[in-house]
Amino acid sequence: MEKYRKIAGKCLAAVLSAAMALSLAACAGGTGSSESQSQSAKQEAAAEKPAQATGEKIVNVGVTGTVNTLNPLLMDGVEINKYATGLMFLPLMELDTNMEFEPMLADSITAEDEKHFLVHIDDEAVWSDGQPVTADDVVYTALRLCSPAIANTAMMYYVFEGVGDDGFVEMGADHIEGITKVDDKTVRFATKEPMSLVTFQNSYARYLMPLPKHVIGEIPEAELASHEWFAKPDVVSGPYRVTAFDKDHYVSYEANEKYWKGAPKIPKLNIRIVEGSQLYAGLQSGEIDITQNTMSAIPLEDYESLQALETVETSFGDAITNQSVFINTKNVPDQKFRQALLYAIDRNQILEQLLKGNGEVVDGFLSTASPYYDPSIEPVSYDPAKAKELLAESNWMPSSPLRFYIDSGDSTFVNAASVIAAQWAAVGIQTEIRTMDINTLMSTAGSGEFDIMAVQYTYPPVDPYVDIAWLLGGEGSWTGYSHAEAEEALSKIAVLSDKEELKEQYGIIDRRMQEDVPMFSAYVIRTMAAKNKRLTGVNPSVYGFFNHVEEWDITG
């Protein structure tokens, strides 16, 4: 199990950054001074007038999270950065709306065995200057992702042969032993430890966005992280190229008319970064055309108003964002006491009253959105009498109120935590709620100085292995929990790709969560998205949103 803990621990920064991006989405917004915000607003007004005002086809995508980078070499676990960058530089593979892997720049990825993967670049793939996308571009980009001069630790390339445990090659290295060119269109990736094809596709193929070696290959690697070329690249593989970028306010794009999958029908596209409270007004006025479920946090109080707009269509995505509650098993060591915590909560009441039914209740890590979800695992029902019975059977009772740490920026769960604490008190469990900002909460979680801690956490439905391996990693993980049966299941999951076999092993883990309760799900959120009815060729979706952006169009 140690090697899995090592992999999971290395992945934690990327995992948490993605989770935090979702947690913070509702309160994200511009952080500059009033003067700079005003100036930026004027720039936006000039660059991003709605299509109906100018007669020109322009689509504005409203998001509520900052875009920190458009450089493929600086990718992390934050999806908005990846999607905004992927409009210019296609990833090898992406998930589609059904959460199946869809070819993007690669037309196939296959496993030779448990340690060797072949990536074949689509024969039709070309850069916007007409040059073919080749294996050399993939190998060059991977080498730079492992450069200590660029120092990207989030991409986790330490899993490949020839890369150090720190994720880097030697300064000035000209190759990676485990990432090699087979022919002009094929690259072989060799891992140090066995890995499933699913994990390779989800953790690496979705985040590797090849760069044009023939254009930037001579730029010194020490300059690549901040080079001006990335602010306005002239050669791209994707449907759009950036024309202006303010990380707190907008990204503006123009169409790549030579896009090898077909010229986009929309000449200009903008990502507009706003606060969640501004989405309704933007959709109502037409200044925002579309939102996406995970990048655009529409406040719950605006749901009904949006649904009433005649010009807007609303939809709900899959339930993927888990309001997870983690119990420090070192501080709360008794199994029956932890079970009592779960039986004492009326989770369905919280779901209906606070989330207006927009979500679901599950036990364990996986929601119904996951292909490995086991419907035979019925969530523990609200049963205060059972909770009291378990407490009476328990050999442990805290000498002081349990410290219950929550994210102050998650207003819905701040309210839910008060309900939960009251329900715990009703069966005799005393807690003290402590609210703090997300960064302080993560620091507290890492230090282990908590009894119970809750945070929004998205377990990737198609490959939750890394997150679960970390959270069940024993001493040093948030829960401090480990179990031989769960460890055995994780060791099998690491190399499995068959859905039914994975479902069986994940089911073992979720049953252990229900039995031992080192964590539980308060609820899983199903978020709203919206689009202007004049926009065709797209429907908002949790995954695959930009996969066919070249087909988007405006009518009327």
Protein backbone atom coordinates (compact mmCIF):
# COMPACT_ATOMS: atom_id res chain seq x y z
CA MET A 1 0.00 0.00 0.00
CA GLU A 2 2.95 2.36 0.59
CA LYS A 3 3.52 3.07 -3.11
CA TYR A 4 -0.14 4.05 -3.48
CA ARG A 5 0.11 6.40 -0.51
CA LYS A 6 3.16 7.95 -2.11
CA ILE A 7 1.35 8.52 -5.40
CA ALA A 8 -1.72 9.84 -3.62
CA GLY A 9 0.32 12.16 -1.43
CA LYS A 10 2.11 13.61 -4.45
CA CYS A 11 -1.26 14.20 -6.10
CA LEU A 12 -2.74 16.06 -3.14
CA ALA A 13 -1.85 19.58 -4.30
CA ALA A 14 -3.59 19.08 -7.62
CA VAL A 15 -6.55 17.33 -6.05
CA LEU A 16 -7.09 20.05 -3.46
CA SER A 17 -6.70 22.86 -5.95
CA ALA A 18 -9.54 21.37 -7.99
CA ALA A 19 -11.67 20.82 -4.91
CA MET A 20 -10.99 24.32 -3.64
CA ALA A 21 -11.85 25.83 -7.00
CA LEU A 22 -15.33 24.32 -6.69
CA SER A 23 -15.64 25.30 -3.03
CA LEU A 24 -14.68 28.88 -3.72
CA ALA A 25 -16.68 29.28 -6.91
CA ALA A 26 -19.64 30.88 -5.19
CA CYS A 27 -17.57 33.69 -3.72
CA ALA A 28 -14.99 34.16 -6.47
CA GLY A 29 -14.71 37.50 -8.16
CA GLY A 30 -12.37 40.34 -9.08
CA THR A 31 -9.72 41.12 -6.49
CA GLY A 32 -8.23 44.29 -7.88
CA SER A 33 -8.78 47.87 -6.69
CA SER A 34 -11.91 49.80 -7.63
CA GLU A 35 -9.92 51.82 -10.14
CA SER A 36 -8.43 48.77 -11.85
CA GLN A 37 -11.82 47.04 -11.88
CA SER A 38 -13.42 50.07 -13.48
CA GLN A 39 -10.70 50.21 -16.12
CA SER A 40 -11.10 46.49 -16.77
CA ALA A 41 -14.87 46.91 -17.09
CA LYS A 42 -14.32 49.55 -19.78
CA GLN A 43 -11.94 47.21 -21.61
CA GLU A 44 -14.54 44.44 -21.43
CA ALA A 45 -17.26 46.72 -22.72
CA ALA A 46 -15.11 47.54 -25.74
CA ALA A 47 -13.92 43.99 -26.41
CA GLU A 48 -16.96 41.96 -25.40
CA LYS A 49 -20.16 43.67 -26.51
CA PRO A 50 -22.99 41.13 -26.79
CA ALA A 51 -23.67 39.87 -30.29
CA GLN A 52 -27.13 41.38 -30.49
CA ALA A 53 -25.64 44.85 -29.91
CA THR A 54 -22.97 44.64 -32.61
CA GLY A 55 -24.47 42.30 -35.18
CA GLU A 56 -21.35 40.16 -34.91
CA LYS A 57 -21.46 36.62 -33.63
CA ILE A 58 -19.88 36.61 -30.19
CA VAL A 59 -20.47 34.13 -27.36
CA ASN A 60 -19.82 35.07 -23.76
CA VAL A 61 -19.30 32.22 -21.30
CA GLY A 62 -19.89 33.32 -17.71
CA VAL A 63 -17.66 31.74 -15.05
CA THR A 64 -17.08 32.49 -11.38
CA GLY A 65 -13.51 31.29 -10.95
CA THR A 66 -10.27 33.07 -11.78
CA VAL A 67 -8.27 31.81 -14.79
CA ASN A 68 -4.75 31.70 -13.40
CA THR A 69 -2.87 30.53 -16.47
CA LEU A 70 -3.15 29.83 -20.20
CA ASN A 71 0.23 28.11 -20.36
CA PRO A 72 0.02 24.31 -20.82
CA LEU A 73 3.32 23.97 -18.97
CA LEU A 74 1.77 25.46 -15.82
CA MET A 75 -1.35 23.28 -15.70
CA ASP A 76 -2.64 22.20 -12.30
CA GLY A 77 -5.78 20.45 -11.10
CA VAL A 78 -8.09 23.45 -11.61
CA GLU A 79 -10.47 22.62 -14.42
CA ILE A 80 -11.15 26.20 -15.51
CA ASN A 81 -7.45 26.70 -16.30
CA LYS A 82 -7.42 23.50 -18.33
CA TYR A 83 -10.58 24.29 -20.28
CA ALA A 84 -9.54 27.87 -21.04
CA THR A 85 -6.15 26.66 -22.27
CA GLY A 86 -7.57 23.67 -24.14
CA LEU A 87 -9.45 26.00 -26.48
CA MET A 88 -6.03 26.79 -27.95
CA PHE A 89 -4.01 23.65 -27.29
CA LEU A 90 -6.03 20.47 -27.47
CA PRO A 91 -5.40 17.80 -24.83
CA LEU A 92 -4.68 14.28 -26.01
CA MET A 93 -8.04 13.04 -24.71
CA GLU A 94 -11.07 14.48 -22.95
CA LEU A 95 -14.20 13.24 -21.25
CA ASP A 96 -17.43 13.68 -23.18
CA THR A 97 -20.90 14.47 -21.88
CA ASN A 98 -21.41 10.78 -21.02
CA MET A 99 -18.10 10.67 -19.13
CA GLU A 100 -16.52 8.47 -21.78
CA PHE A 101 -13.02 9.26 -23.04
CA GLU A 102 -13.19 11.07 -26.37
CA PRO A 103 -10.20 11.52 -28.71
CA MET A 104 -9.09 15.11 -29.08
CA LEU A 105 -5.53 15.47 -30.42
CA ALA A 106 -4.87 11.73 -30.13
CA ASP A 107 -7.15 9.34 -32.00
CA SER A 108 -6.27 6.39 -29.77
CA ILE A 109 -4.58 5.51 -26.49
CA THR A 110 -3.92 1.86 -25.78
CA ALA A 111 -2.24 -0.16 -23.06
CA GLU A 112 0.51 -2.54 -24.17
CA ASP A 113 0.61 -3.86 -20.61
CA GLU A 114 0.20 -2.44 -17.09
CA LYS A 115 3.23 -0.16 -17.47
CA HIS A 116 3.31 0.85 -21.14
CA PHE A 117 0.83 3.07 -22.99
CA LEU A 118 0.82 4.03 -26.66
CA VAL A 119 -0.55 7.41 -27.73
CA HIS A 120 -1.29 7.87 -31.42
CA ILE A 121 -1.76 11.41 -32.73
CA ASP A 122 -4.60 11.85 -35.20
CA ASP A 123 -3.19 11.78 -38.74
CA GLU A 124 -5.36 14.78 -39.61
CA ALA A 125 -4.10 16.94 -36.73
CA VAL A 126 -2.28 20.05 -37.85
CA TRP A 127 -1.18 23.32 -36.29
CA SER A 128 -2.81 26.53 -37.45
CA ASP A 129 0.26 27.24 -39.62
CA GLY A 130 -0.37 24.01 -41.54
CA GLN A 131 2.43 21.96 -39.97
CA PRO A 132 1.43 18.49 -38.74
CA VAL A 133 1.16 17.78 -35.02
CA THR A 134 3.75 15.11 -34.34
CA ALA A 135 5.17 12.83 -31.68
CA ASP A 136 8.04 15.30 -31.38
CA ASP A 137 5.58 17.92 -30.09
CA VAL A 138 4.26 15.52 -27.44
CA VAL A 139 7.73 14.43 -26.31
CA TYR A 140 8.98 18.04 -26.24
CA THR A 141 6.03 19.21 -24.13
CA ALA A 142 6.37 16.30 -21.68
CA LEU A 143 10.09 17.05 -21.29
CA ARG A 144 9.36 20.67 -20.47
CA LEU A 145 6.66 19.65 -17.99
CA CYS A 146 9.41 17.78 -16.13
CA SER A 147 11.85 20.69 -16.23
CA PRO A 148 13.06 21.90 -12.82
CA ALA A 149 13.30 25.37 -14.37
CA ILE A 150 9.52 25.39 -14.89
CA ALA A 151 8.95 23.55 -11.58
CA ASN A 152 5.43 22.26 -12.16
CA THR A 153 4.81 19.74 -9.36
CA ALA A 154 1.07 19.40 -9.99
CA MET A 155 1.41 17.32 -13.16
CA MET A 156 2.79 14.32 -11.22
CA TYR A 157 5.22 13.08 -13.90
CA TYR A 158 7.31 11.31 -11.26
CA VAL A 159 5.30 8.19 -12.15
CA PHE A 160 7.21 7.82 -15.45
CA GLU A 161 10.53 6.08 -15.95
CA GLY A 162 13.45 8.49 -16.04
CA VAL A 163 11.72 11.17 -13.96
CA GLY A 164 12.87 11.77 -10.38
CA ASP A 165 10.63 11.29 -7.38
CA ASP A 166 10.35 15.09 -7.26
CA GLY A 167 8.70 15.07 -10.69
CA PHE A 168 11.71 16.53 -12.51
CA VAL A 169 14.49 15.47 -14.83
CA GLU A 170 18.01 16.86 -14.59
CA MET A 171 18.42 20.50 -15.58
CA GLY A 172 19.06 20.66 -19.31
CA ALA A 173 18.03 17.03 -19.95
CA ASP A 174 17.25 16.34 -23.61
CA HIS A 175 15.03 13.27 -23.17
CA ILE A 176 12.89 11.26 -20.76
CA GLU A 177 13.56 7.55 -20.61
CA GLY A 178 9.89 6.72 -20.08
CA ILE A 179 8.38 9.03 -22.73
CA THR A 180 9.73 8.20 -26.17
CA LYS A 181 8.90 8.63 -29.84
CA VAL A 182 7.93 5.42 -31.64
CA ASP A 183 7.26 7.05 -35.01
CA ASP A 184 6.10 10.46 -36.26
CA LYS A 185 2.62 9.98 -34.83
CA THR A 186 3.16 7.60 -31.89
CA VAL A 187 4.56 8.08 -28.37
CA ARG A 188 5.18 5.40 -25.75
CA PHE A 189 4.75 6.23 -22.05
CA ALA A 190 6.38 3.86 -19.53
CA THR A 191 5.42 4.04 -15.84
CA LYS A 192 7.47 2.91 -12.85
CA GLU A 193 4.55 1.09 -11.24
CA PRO A 194 1.50 -0.63 -12.75
CA MET A 195 -1.24 1.82 -13.73
CA SER A 196 -4.71 1.33 -15.17
CA LEU A 197 -5.52 2.72 -18.60
CA VAL A 198 -8.33 4.71 -16.99
CA THR A 199 -5.91 6.50 -14.65
CA PHE A 200 -3.46 7.20 -17.48
CA GLN A 201 -6.22 8.71 -19.60
CA ASN A 202 -7.81 10.75 -16.82
CA SER A 203 -4.71 12.00 -14.98
CA TYR A 204 -2.32 12.41 -17.89
CA ALA A 205 -3.97 12.36 -21.33
CA ARG A 206 -6.58 14.94 -20.29
CA TYR A 207 -3.94 17.34 -19.01
CA LEU A 208 -1.16 16.96 -21.58
CA MET A 209 -1.66 19.74 -24.15
CA PRO A 210 1.15 19.49 -26.73
CA LEU A 211 2.92 22.64 -27.82
CA PRO A 212 4.41 23.38 -31.29
CA LYS A 213 8.08 22.47 -30.95
CA HIS A 214 8.87 23.96 -34.36
CA VAL A 215 7.69 27.37 -33.10
CA ILE A 216 8.92 27.58 -29.49
CA GLY A 217 11.55 24.85 -29.38
CA GLU A 218 14.41 27.35 -29.30
CA ILE A 219 13.07 29.34 -26.34
CA PRO A 220 15.29 28.60 -23.29
CA GLU A 221 13.40 26.39 -20.84
CA ALA A 222 14.02 28.88 -18.03
CA GLU A 223 11.97 31.46 -19.95
CA LEU A 224 9.02 29.26 -20.91
CA ALA A 225 7.00 29.71 -17.72
CA SER A 226 6.66 33.46 -18.29
CA HIS A 227 7.39 33.92 -21.98
CA GLU A 228 5.24 36.50 -23.77
CA TRP A 229 4.38 34.04 -26.55
CA PHE A 230 1.85 32.32 -24.30
CA ALA A 231 -0.06 35.57 -23.78
CA LYS A 232 -0.91 35.67 -27.50
CA PRO A 233 0.22 32.50 -29.28
CA ASP A 234 0.24 32.69 -33.07
CA VAL A 235 0.20 28.91 -33.68
CA VAL A 236 -2.40 26.66 -32.01
CA SER A 237 -3.92 23.22 -32.46
CA GLY A 238 -7.37 24.09 -31.08
CA PRO A 239 -10.41 26.00 -32.36
CA TYR A 240 -9.49 29.39 -30.85
CA ARG A 241 -6.50 31.60 -30.05
CA VAL A 242 -6.40 34.18 -27.27
CA THR A 243 -6.40 37.89 -28.12
CA ALA A 244 -6.64 39.43 -24.62
CA PHE A 245 -6.37 38.08 -21.08
CA ASP A 246 -7.05 39.51 -17.63
CA LYS A 247 -6.98 36.62 -15.20
CA ASP A 248 -9.53 38.21 -12.84
CA HIS A 249 -11.96 39.49 -15.47
CA TYR A 250 -11.90 37.90 -18.92
CA VAL A 251 -10.23 35.86 -21.64
CA SER A 252 -11.02 36.89 -25.22
CA TYR A 253 -10.51 34.57 -28.20
CA GLU A 254 -10.73 34.69 -31.97
CA ALA A 255 -11.50 31.68 -34.12
CA ASN A 256 -8.76 29.57 -35.66
CA GLU A 257 -10.21 29.49 -39.17
CA LYS A 258 -7.78 26.71 -40.10
CA TYR A 259 -8.86 24.44 -37.25
CA TRP A 260 -8.36 20.91 -38.54
CA LYS A 261 -11.72 19.70 -37.18
CA GLY A 262 -13.57 22.52 -38.94
CA ALA A 263 -13.59 26.30 -38.65
CA PRO A 264 -15.67 27.53 -35.68
CA LYS A 265 -19.01 29.11 -36.57
CA ILE A 266 -18.53 31.73 -33.83
CA PRO A 267 -15.75 34.21 -34.81
CA LYS A 268 -15.23 35.50 -31.28
CA LEU A 269 -15.65 33.89 -27.88
CA ASN A 270 -15.11 35.34 -24.43
CA ILE A 271 -14.82 33.85 -20.99
CA ARG A 272 -16.23 36.48 -18.64
CA ILE A 273 -15.24 36.16 -15.00
CA VAL A 274 -17.92 37.50 -12.67
CA GLU A 275 -19.31 36.94 -9.21
CA GLY A 276 -22.04 34.36 -8.86
CA SER A 277 -24.54 37.07 -7.96
CA GLN A 278 -23.96 38.67 -11.40
CA LEU A 279 -24.85 35.60 -13.47
CA TYR A 280 -28.62 36.10 -13.35
CA ALA A 281 -28.40 39.72 -14.52
CA GLY A 282 -25.94 38.77 -17.28
CA LEU A 283 -28.12 35.96 -18.56
CA GLN A 284 -31.22 38.15 -18.38
CA SER A 285 -29.62 40.99 -20.37
CA GLY A 286 -27.85 38.74 -22.87
CA GLU A 287 -24.38 39.88 -21.81
CA ILE A 288 -23.76 36.26 -20.77
CA ASP A 289 -24.85 33.54 -23.18
CA ILE A 290 -24.05 30.36 -21.30
CA THR A 291 -22.79 28.98 -17.99
CA GLN A 292 -21.33 25.59 -17.11
CA ASN A 293 -22.07 23.53 -14.03
CA THR A 294 -18.65 23.45 -12.34
CA MET A 295 -17.10 26.68 -13.63
CA SER A 296 -20.17 28.83 -12.97
CA ALA A 297 -21.64 28.82 -9.48
CA ILE A 298 -25.20 30.13 -9.80
CA PRO A 299 -26.54 30.99 -6.31
CA LEU A 300 -29.38 28.76 -5.16
CA GLU A 301 -31.58 31.78 -4.53
CA ASP A 302 -31.44 32.64 -8.27
CA TYR A 303 -32.57 29.24 -9.53
CA GLU A 304 -36.28 30.02 -9.72
CA SER A 305 -35.73 33.44 -11.29
CA LEU A 306 -33.55 31.93 -14.01
CA GLN A 307 -36.07 29.20 -14.70
CA ALA A 308 -38.71 31.90 -15.26
CA LEU A 309 -36.73 33.73 -17.98
CA GLU A 310 -38.28 33.19 -21.42
CA THR A 311 -34.96 33.66 -23.25
CA VAL A 312 -33.01 31.18 -21.15
CA GLU A 313 -32.94 27.39 -20.86
CA THR A 314 -31.77 25.89 -17.59
CA SER A 315 -30.54 22.39 -16.82
CA PHE A 316 -28.97 20.45 -13.99
CA GLY A 317 -25.75 18.52 -14.24
CA ASP A 318 -24.81 15.22 -12.71
CA ALA A 319 -24.33 15.14 -8.95
CA ILE A 320 -20.54 15.14 -8.67
CA THR A 321 -19.58 17.69 -5.99
CA ASN A 322 -19.63 15.94 -2.63
CA GLN A 323 -20.06 17.85 0.64
CA SER A 324 -17.73 15.46 2.41
CA VAL A 325 -17.39 15.31 6.18
CA PHE A 326 -14.07 13.89 7.37
CA ILE A 327 -13.59 12.48 10.86
CA ASN A 328 -10.13 12.41 12.40
CA THR A 329 -10.16 8.80 13.61
CA LYS A 330 -7.20 9.49 15.90
CA ASN A 331 -9.29 12.02 17.82
CA VAL A 332 -12.59 10.18 17.41
CA PRO A 333 -11.41 6.56 17.73
CA ASP A 334 -14.63 4.68 18.49
CA GLN A 335 -16.44 3.08 15.55
CA LYS A 336 -19.87 3.05 17.19
CA PHE A 337 -19.55 6.70 18.17
CA ARG A 338 -18.76 7.58 14.55
CA GLN A 339 -21.75 5.51 13.41
CA ALA A 340 -23.93 7.46 15.85
CA LEU A 341 -22.77 10.69 14.20
CA LEU A 342 -24.19 9.46 10.90
CA TYR A 343 -27.48 8.04 12.21
CA ALA A 344 -28.20 11.30 14.04
CA ILE A 345 -28.33 13.44 10.87
CA ASP A 346 -31.44 13.91 8.74
CA ARG A 347 -29.60 14.35 5.46
CA ASN A 348 -32.73 14.21 3.32
CA GLN A 349 -34.19 17.12 5.28
CA ILE A 350 -31.05 19.16 4.65
CA LEU A 351 -31.14 18.27 0.96
CA GLU A 352 -34.78 19.27 0.54
CA GLN A 353 -34.79 22.41 2.68
CA LEU A 354 -31.39 23.93 1.96
CA LEU A 355 -30.61 22.62 -1.53
CA LYS A 356 -34.25 22.53 -2.69
CA GLY A 357 -33.77 18.91 -3.68
CA ASN A 358 -30.95 19.68 -6.13
CA GLY A 359 -28.70 16.81 -5.21
CA GLU A 360 -28.69 13.40 -3.60
CA VAL A 361 -27.69 11.50 -0.48
CA VAL A 362 -25.17 8.66 -0.77
CA ASP A 363 -22.86 6.79 1.56
CA GLY A 364 -19.17 6.68 0.79
CA PHE A 365 -17.23 8.46 -1.93
CA LEU A 366 -19.18 7.71 -5.11
CA SER A 367 -22.33 9.41 -6.36
CA THR A 368 -24.75 8.12 -8.97
CA ALA A 369 -22.72 10.02 -11.61
CA SER A 370 -19.89 7.50 -11.29
CA PRO A 371 -19.91 4.44 -13.56
CA TYR A 372 -18.76 2.49 -10.48
CA TYR A 373 -21.62 3.52 -8.20
CA ASP A 374 -23.24 0.57 -6.46
CA PRO A 375 -27.00 1.18 -5.99
CA SER A 376 -27.23 -1.72 -3.55
CA ILE A 377 -25.47 0.42 -0.93
CA GLU A 378 -28.47 2.14 0.63
CA PRO A 379 -27.65 5.32 2.58
CA VAL A 380 -27.98 5.13 6.34
CA SER A 381 -31.38 6.52 7.34
CA TYR A 382 -32.02 9.18 9.94
CA ASP A 383 -32.57 7.29 13.16
CA PRO A 384 -31.92 9.25 16.38
CA ALA A 385 -33.01 6.29 18.51
CA LYS A 386 -30.37 4.13 16.82
CA ALA A 387 -27.81 6.89 17.35
CA LYS A 388 -28.56 6.95 21.10
CA GLU A 389 -28.34 3.16 21.22
CA LEU A 390 -24.91 3.22 19.56
CA LEU A 391 -23.70 5.90 21.97
CA ALA A 392 -24.81 3.75 24.90
CA GLU A 393 -22.85 0.82 23.46
CA SER A 394 -19.81 2.96 22.74
CA ASN A 395 -16.78 2.72 24.99
CA TRP A 396 -15.78 6.30 24.26
CA MET A 397 -17.14 9.77 24.90
CA PRO A 398 -15.27 13.04 24.32
CA SER A 399 -14.39 15.07 27.40
CA SER A 400 -15.15 18.33 25.57
CA PRO A 401 -17.23 19.39 22.54
CA LEU A 402 -15.93 18.05 19.22
CA ARG A 403 -14.28 20.70 17.05
CA PHE A 404 -16.26 20.91 13.80
CA TYR A 405 -14.39 22.93 11.18
CA ILE A 406 -16.17 24.26 8.08
CA ASP A 407 -15.58 26.63 5.16
CA SER A 408 -16.93 30.12 5.90
CA GLY A 409 -17.27 30.76 2.15
CA ASP A 410 -19.74 27.91 1.67
CA SER A 411 -22.92 29.63 2.87
CA THR A 412 -25.15 26.62 2.19
CA PHE A 413 -23.09 24.33 4.37
CA VAL A 414 -22.68 26.97 7.08
CA ASN A 415 -26.45 26.69 7.46
CA ALA A 416 -26.36 22.90 7.12
CA ALA A 417 -23.68 22.62 9.80
CA SER A 418 -25.95 24.41 12.29
CA VAL A 419 -28.71 21.90 11.56
CA ILE A 420 -26.29 18.99 11.90
CA ALA A 421 -24.88 20.29 15.19
CA ALA A 422 -28.41 20.67 16.58
CA GLN A 423 -29.30 17.12 15.55
CA TRP A 424 -26.11 15.81 17.16
CA ALA A 425 -26.93 17.73 20.34
CA ALA A 426 -30.39 16.14 20.37
CA VAL A 427 -28.82 12.69 20.83
CA GLY A 428 -26.18 13.88 23.29
CA ILE A 429 -23.20 14.75 21.08
CA GLN A 430 -21.83 18.22 21.70
CA THR A 431 -19.88 20.04 19.01
CA GLU A 432 -18.32 23.45 18.52
CA ILE A 433 -18.60 24.85 14.98
CA ARG A 434 -15.54 26.77 13.83
CA THR A 435 -15.76 28.62 10.52
CA MET A 436 -12.68 29.72 8.60
CA ASP A 437 -11.62 30.61 5.07
CA ILE A 438 -10.78 27.76 2.72
CA ASN A 439 -7.00 28.20 2.90
CA THR A 440 -7.01 28.12 6.71
CA LEU A 441 -9.35 25.13 6.61
CA MET A 442 -6.97 23.22 4.35
CA SER A 443 -4.05 24.07 6.61
CA THR A 444 -6.00 22.84 9.62
CA ALA A 445 -6.94 19.65 7.79
CA GLY A 446 -3.32 18.99 6.92
CA SER A 447 -2.17 19.52 10.50
CA GLY A 448 -4.74 17.10 11.91
CA GLU A 449 -5.83 19.67 14.49
CA PHE A 450 -9.52 18.94 14.09
CA ASP A 451 -12.09 16.39 15.17
CA ILE A 452 -14.55 16.78 12.29
CA MET A 453 -14.00 18.78 9.11
CA ALA A 454 -16.24 19.39 6.09
CA VAL A 455 -15.38 20.64 2.61
CA GLN A 456 -16.75 20.37 -0.92
CA TYR A 457 -14.76 17.68 -2.72
CA THR A 458 -15.17 16.40 -6.27
CA TYR A 459 -14.09 12.79 -6.71
CA PRO A 460 -13.58 12.37 -10.49
CA PRO A 461 -16.42 9.99 -11.37
CA VAL A 462 -14.38 7.95 -13.86
CA ASP A 463 -11.23 7.73 -11.74
CA PRO A 464 -11.59 8.59 -8.04
CA TYR A 465 -8.68 6.28 -7.13
CA VAL A 466 -6.04 8.91 -6.33
CA ASP A 467 -8.32 10.90 -4.01
CA ILE A 468 -9.57 7.84 -2.17
CA ALA A 469 -6.08 6.37 -1.81
CA TRP A 470 -4.97 9.60 -0.17
CA LEU A 471 -7.95 9.95 2.14
CA LEU A 472 -7.63 6.34 3.31
CA GLY A 473 -3.85 6.54 3.54
CA GLY A 474 -3.61 5.98 7.27
CA GLU A 475 -1.39 8.21 9.38
CA GLY A 476 -0.78 11.53 7.65
CA SER A 477 -4.07 11.57 5.74
CA TRP A 478 -7.04 13.67 6.79
CA THR A 479 -8.90 10.72 8.26
CA GLY A 480 -5.93 8.80 9.66
CA TYR A 481 -7.93 5.72 8.65
CA SER A 482 -6.77 2.51 7.05
CA HIS A 483 -8.28 -0.94 6.76
CA ALA A 484 -6.83 -4.13 5.27
CA GLU A 485 -9.91 -4.80 3.13
CA ALA A 486 -9.91 -1.25 1.75
CA GLU A 487 -6.17 -1.41 1.07
CA GLU A 488 -6.58 -4.65 -0.84
CA ALA A 489 -9.39 -3.12 -2.93
CA LEU A 490 -7.25 -0.07 -3.71
CA SER A 491 -4.32 -2.24 -4.79
CA LYS A 492 -6.63 -3.93 -7.32
CA ILE A 493 -8.20 -0.67 -8.49
CA ALA A 494 -4.74 0.70 -9.32
CA VAL A 495 -4.43 -1.60 -12.34
CA LEU A 496 -8.06 -2.36 -13.28
CA SER A 497 -9.86 -0.88 -16.29
CA ASP A 498 -12.95 -3.11 -16.49
CA LYS A 499 -16.00 -1.20 -15.23
CA GLU A 500 -17.67 -4.12 -13.50
CA GLU A 501 -14.51 -5.15 -11.70
CA LEU A 502 -13.89 -1.55 -10.63
CA LYS A 503 -17.48 -1.26 -9.43
CA GLU A 504 -17.00 -4.30 -7.23
CA GLN A 505 -13.82 -2.94 -5.62
CA TYR A 506 -15.16 0.59 -5.10
CA GLY A 507 -18.26 -1.00 -3.57
CA ILE A 508 -16.04 -2.70 -0.99
CA ILE A 509 -14.56 0.67 -0.05
CA ASP A 510 -17.92 2.46 0.17
CA ARG A 511 -19.28 -0.30 2.41
CA ARG A 512 -16.28 0.14 4.69
CA MET A 513 -17.06 3.86 4.84
CA GLN A 514 -20.63 3.07 5.85
CA GLU A 515 -19.46 0.59 8.48
CA ASP A 516 -16.46 2.43 9.97
CA VAL A 517 -17.45 6.05 9.14
CA PRO A 518 -14.07 7.77 8.80
CA MET A 519 -15.95 10.04 6.38
CA PHE A 520 -19.50 10.50 5.18
CA SER A 521 -21.31 12.57 2.60
CA ALA A 522 -23.66 15.23 3.94
CA TYR A 523 -25.04 15.55 0.40
CA VAL A 524 -23.91 15.60 -3.21
CA ILE A 525 -24.69 18.78 -5.14
CA ARG A 526 -26.42 18.86 -8.54
CA THR A 527 -25.73 22.35 -9.88
CA MET A 528 -27.67 24.45 -12.37
CA ALA A 529 -26.39 25.69 -15.72
CA ALA A 530 -28.09 28.01 -18.19
CA LYS A 531 -27.88 29.14 -21.81
CA ASN A 532 -29.52 31.70 -24.05
CA LYS A 533 -31.97 30.00 -26.40
CA ARG A 534 -30.38 31.69 -29.42
CA LEU A 535 -27.23 29.63 -28.86
CA THR A 536 -27.30 26.30 -30.73
CA GLY A 537 -25.01 23.30 -31.05
CA VAL A 538 -24.32 23.09 -27.33
CA ASN A 539 -25.97 22.19 -24.06
CA PRO A 540 -24.20 22.81 -20.75
CA SER A 541 -22.64 19.68 -19.28
CA VAL A 542 -20.30 18.79 -16.43
CA TYR A 543 -17.83 17.21 -18.87
CA GLY A 544 -17.32 17.67 -22.60
CA PHE A 545 -18.55 21.26 -22.56
CA PHE A 546 -15.97 22.62 -25.03
CA ASN A 547 -15.28 19.38 -26.93
CA HIS A 548 -17.18 20.54 -30.00
CA VAL A 549 -17.14 24.30 -29.57
CA GLU A 550 -16.55 24.66 -33.31
CA GLU A 551 -20.18 23.57 -33.77
CA TRP A 552 -21.64 26.30 -31.56
CA ASP A 553 -23.74 28.86 -33.41
CA ILE A 554 -26.15 31.74 -32.88
CA THR A 555 -29.59 31.98 -34.43
CA GLY A 556 -31.94 34.92 -34.58
